[in-house]
Amino acid sequence: MQASATRHEPNTGSQGVVYRTACQNPGCGCTFDLKITAENAGLLGGTMPCPRCRRRGGMLKRDGRLGDRLFAAKLVFRGIGAGHTSSDDEGDLFSERLN
């Protein structure tokens, strides 16, 4: 005889959260819903393209809670030519002399 364990899982339709996302690319402004589940949670930490203007490299920034399992977010992009260098903030680490 073989025994089997039964798992009671909640309704899979209610799993995850929804991010109502607005593209911040100038001239686009597309608003779309992005459903985040355990399977695609990696999207929150990476970059993604806008589904309308197709600009790559957008990062999701949370912008507050709208309701139960519904959050507002912005898809933000780096400005062109706006690179950040760490030496601007910290100063030159090798310029000090050892006495």
C-alpha atoms as a PDB file:
ATOM      1  CA  MET A   1       0.000   0.000   0.000  1.00  0.00           C
ATOM      2  CA  GLN A   2       1.216   3.453  -0.831  1.00  0.00           C
ATOM      3  CA  ALA A   3       0.408   6.505   1.276  1.00  0.00           C
ATOM      4  CA  SER A   4       0.151   9.933  -0.236  1.00  0.00           C
ATOM      5  CA  ALA A   5       0.236  13.305   1.449  1.00  0.00           C
ATOM      6  CA  THR A   6      -2.260  15.931   0.443  1.00  0.00           C
ATOM      7  CA  ARG A   7      -1.216  19.564   0.394  1.00  0.00           C
ATOM      8  CA  HIS A   8      -3.834  22.222   0.751  1.00  0.00           C
ATOM      9  CA  GLU A   9      -2.651  25.138  -1.334  1.00  0.00           C
ATOM     10  CA  PRO A  10      -4.511  28.426  -1.539  1.00  0.00           C
ATOM     11  CA  ASN A  11      -6.141  29.453  -4.786  1.00  0.00           C
ATOM     12  CA  THR A  12      -3.343  30.148  -7.279  1.00  0.00           C
ATOM     13  CA  GLY A  13      -5.349  33.028  -8.782  1.00  0.00           C
ATOM     14  CA  SER A  14      -4.833  35.115  -5.647  1.00  0.00           C
ATOM     15  CA  GLN A  15      -1.079  34.551  -5.400  1.00  0.00           C
ATOM     16  CA  GLY A  16       1.326  37.415  -5.911  1.00  0.00           C
ATOM     17  CA  VAL A  17       0.972  41.163  -6.070  1.00  0.00           C
ATOM     18  CA  VAL A  18       0.289  43.620  -8.885  1.00  0.00           C
ATOM     19  CA  TYR A  19       2.442  46.655  -9.619  1.00  0.00           C
ATOM     20  CA  ARG A  20       0.577  49.322 -11.594  1.00  0.00           C
ATOM     21  CA  THR A  21       3.582  50.676 -13.447  1.00  0.00           C
ATOM     22  CA  ALA A  22       4.050  53.922 -15.369  1.00  0.00           C
ATOM     23  CA  CYS A  23       6.939  54.297 -17.830  1.00  0.00           C
ATOM     24  CA  GLN A  24       9.017  57.403 -17.092  1.00  0.00           C
ATOM     25  CA  ASN A  25      10.621  57.553 -20.545  1.00  0.00           C
ATOM     26  CA  PRO A  26       9.950  61.059 -21.923  1.00  0.00           C
ATOM     27  CA  GLY A  27       7.204  60.858 -24.535  1.00  0.00           C
ATOM     28  CA  CYS A  28       5.925  57.426 -23.502  1.00  0.00           C
ATOM     29  CA  GLY A  29       3.970  57.468 -20.216  1.00  0.00           C
ATOM     30  CA  CYS A  30       2.557  53.979 -20.814  1.00  0.00           C
ATOM     31  CA  THR A  31       0.746  52.480 -17.800  1.00  0.00           C
ATOM     32  CA  PHE A  32       0.659  48.705 -17.420  1.00  0.00           C
ATOM     33  CA  ASP A  33       0.021  46.132 -14.696  1.00  0.00           C
ATOM     34  CA  LEU A  34       2.907  43.862 -13.766  1.00  0.00           C
ATOM     35  CA  LYS A  35       1.924  40.748 -11.798  1.00  0.00           C
ATOM     36  CA  ILE A  36       4.704  39.525  -9.515  1.00  0.00           C
ATOM     37  CA  THR A  37       4.575  35.951  -8.219  1.00  0.00           C
ATOM     38  CA  ALA A  38       7.141  33.716  -6.552  1.00  0.00           C
ATOM     39  CA  GLU A  39       8.186  32.410  -9.976  1.00  0.00           C
ATOM     40  CA  ASN A  40       9.028  35.828 -11.474  1.00  0.00           C
ATOM     41  CA  ALA A  41      10.126  37.729  -8.354  1.00  0.00           C
ATOM     42  CA  GLY A  42      13.535  38.286  -9.979  1.00  0.00           C
ATOM     43  CA  LEU A  43      11.965  41.035 -12.093  1.00  0.00           C
ATOM     44  CA  LEU A  44      11.991  43.318  -9.056  1.00  0.00           C
ATOM     45  CA  GLY A  45      15.779  43.320  -8.834  1.00  0.00           C
ATOM     46  CA  GLY A  46      16.684  43.487 -12.504  1.00  0.00           C
ATOM     47  CA  THR A  47      16.023  45.716 -15.472  1.00  0.00           C
ATOM     48  CA  MET A  48      13.192  45.421 -17.963  1.00  0.00           C
ATOM     49  CA  PRO A  49      12.018  47.105 -21.150  1.00  0.00           C
ATOM     50  CA  CYS A  50       8.843  49.138 -21.472  1.00  0.00           C
ATOM     51  CA  PRO A  51       6.218  47.130 -23.389  1.00  0.00           C
ATOM     52  CA  ARG A  52       5.194  50.200 -25.448  1.00  0.00           C
ATOM     53  CA  CYS A  53       8.319  52.205 -26.274  1.00  0.00           C
ATOM     54  CA  ARG A  54      10.632  49.165 -25.879  1.00  0.00           C
ATOM     55  CA  ARG A  55      13.378  51.188 -24.185  1.00  0.00           C
ATOM     56  CA  ARG A  56      15.625  48.757 -22.333  1.00  0.00           C
ATOM     57  CA  GLY A  57      17.209  49.130 -18.930  1.00  0.00           C
ATOM     58  CA  GLY A  58      14.226  50.319 -16.903  1.00  0.00           C
ATOM     59  CA  MET A  59      14.322  49.755 -13.147  1.00  0.00           C
ATOM     60  CA  LEU A  60      11.164  49.328 -11.119  1.00  0.00           C
ATOM     61  CA  LYS A  61      10.783  51.843  -8.277  1.00  0.00           C
ATOM     62  CA  ARG A  62       7.974  51.352  -5.809  1.00  0.00           C
ATOM     63  CA  ASP A  63       5.802  54.417  -5.393  1.00  0.00           C
ATOM     64  CA  GLY A  64       3.345  53.424  -2.665  1.00  0.00           C
ATOM     65  CA  ARG A  65       0.432  51.157  -1.945  1.00  0.00           C
ATOM     66  CA  LEU A  66      -2.871  51.545  -3.808  1.00  0.00           C
ATOM     67  CA  GLY A  67      -4.836  48.695  -2.242  1.00  0.00           C
ATOM     68  CA  ASP A  68      -4.706  45.076  -1.129  1.00  0.00           C
ATOM     69  CA  ARG A  69      -1.912  43.444  -3.165  1.00  0.00           C
ATOM     70  CA  LEU A  70      -1.819  46.481  -5.479  1.00  0.00           C
ATOM     71  CA  PHE A  71       1.164  48.820  -5.556  1.00  0.00           C
ATOM     72  CA  ALA A  72       2.082  51.853  -7.649  1.00  0.00           C
ATOM     73  CA  ALA A  73       5.477  51.810  -9.347  1.00  0.00           C
ATOM     74  CA  LYS A  74       7.555  53.776 -11.830  1.00  0.00           C
ATOM     75  CA  LEU A  75       9.746  52.314 -14.543  1.00  0.00           C
ATOM     76  CA  VAL A  76      12.706  54.696 -14.380  1.00  0.00           C
ATOM     77  CA  PHE A  77      15.678  54.948 -16.712  1.00  0.00           C
ATOM     78  CA  ARG A  78      19.131  56.433 -16.316  1.00  0.00           C
ATOM     79  CA  GLY A  79      19.640  59.720 -18.067  1.00  0.00           C
ATOM     80  CA  ILE A  80      21.885  59.680 -21.106  1.00  0.00           C
ATOM     81  CA  GLY A  81      25.369  60.801 -20.117  1.00  0.00           C
ATOM     82  CA  ALA A  82      24.509  60.859 -16.426  1.00  0.00           C
ATOM     83  CA  GLY A  83      27.013  58.267 -15.277  1.00  0.00           C
ATOM     84  CA  HIS A  84      27.962  58.165 -11.617  1.00  0.00           C
ATOM     85  CA  THR A  85      31.532  57.858 -10.475  1.00  0.00           C
ATOM     86  CA  SER A  86      32.360  56.960  -6.902  1.00  0.00           C
ATOM     87  CA  SER A  87      35.427  59.234  -6.827  1.00  0.00           C
ATOM     88  CA  ASP A  88      33.183  62.325  -6.871  1.00  0.00           C
ATOM     89  CA  ASP A  89      31.657  61.495  -3.479  1.00  0.00           C
ATOM     90  CA  GLU A  90      34.548  59.862  -1.664  1.00  0.00           C
ATOM     91  CA  GLY A  91      37.502  61.781  -2.986  1.00  0.00           C
ATOM     92  CA  ASP A  92      40.673  60.193  -4.284  1.00  0.00           C
ATOM     93  CA  LEU A  93      41.520  57.277  -2.017  1.00  0.00           C
ATOM     94  CA  PHE A  94      45.154  57.086  -3.138  1.00  0.00           C
ATOM     95  CA  SER A  95      46.061  60.772  -2.902  1.00  0.00           C
ATOM     96  CA  GLU A  96      46.914  60.728   0.818  1.00  0.00           C
ATOM     97  CA  ARG A  97      50.557  60.210   1.644  1.00  0.00           C
ATOM     98  CA  LEU A  98      51.736  57.818   4.265  1.00  0.00           C
ATOM     99  CA  ASN A  99      54.187  59.481   6.689  1.00  0.00           C
END
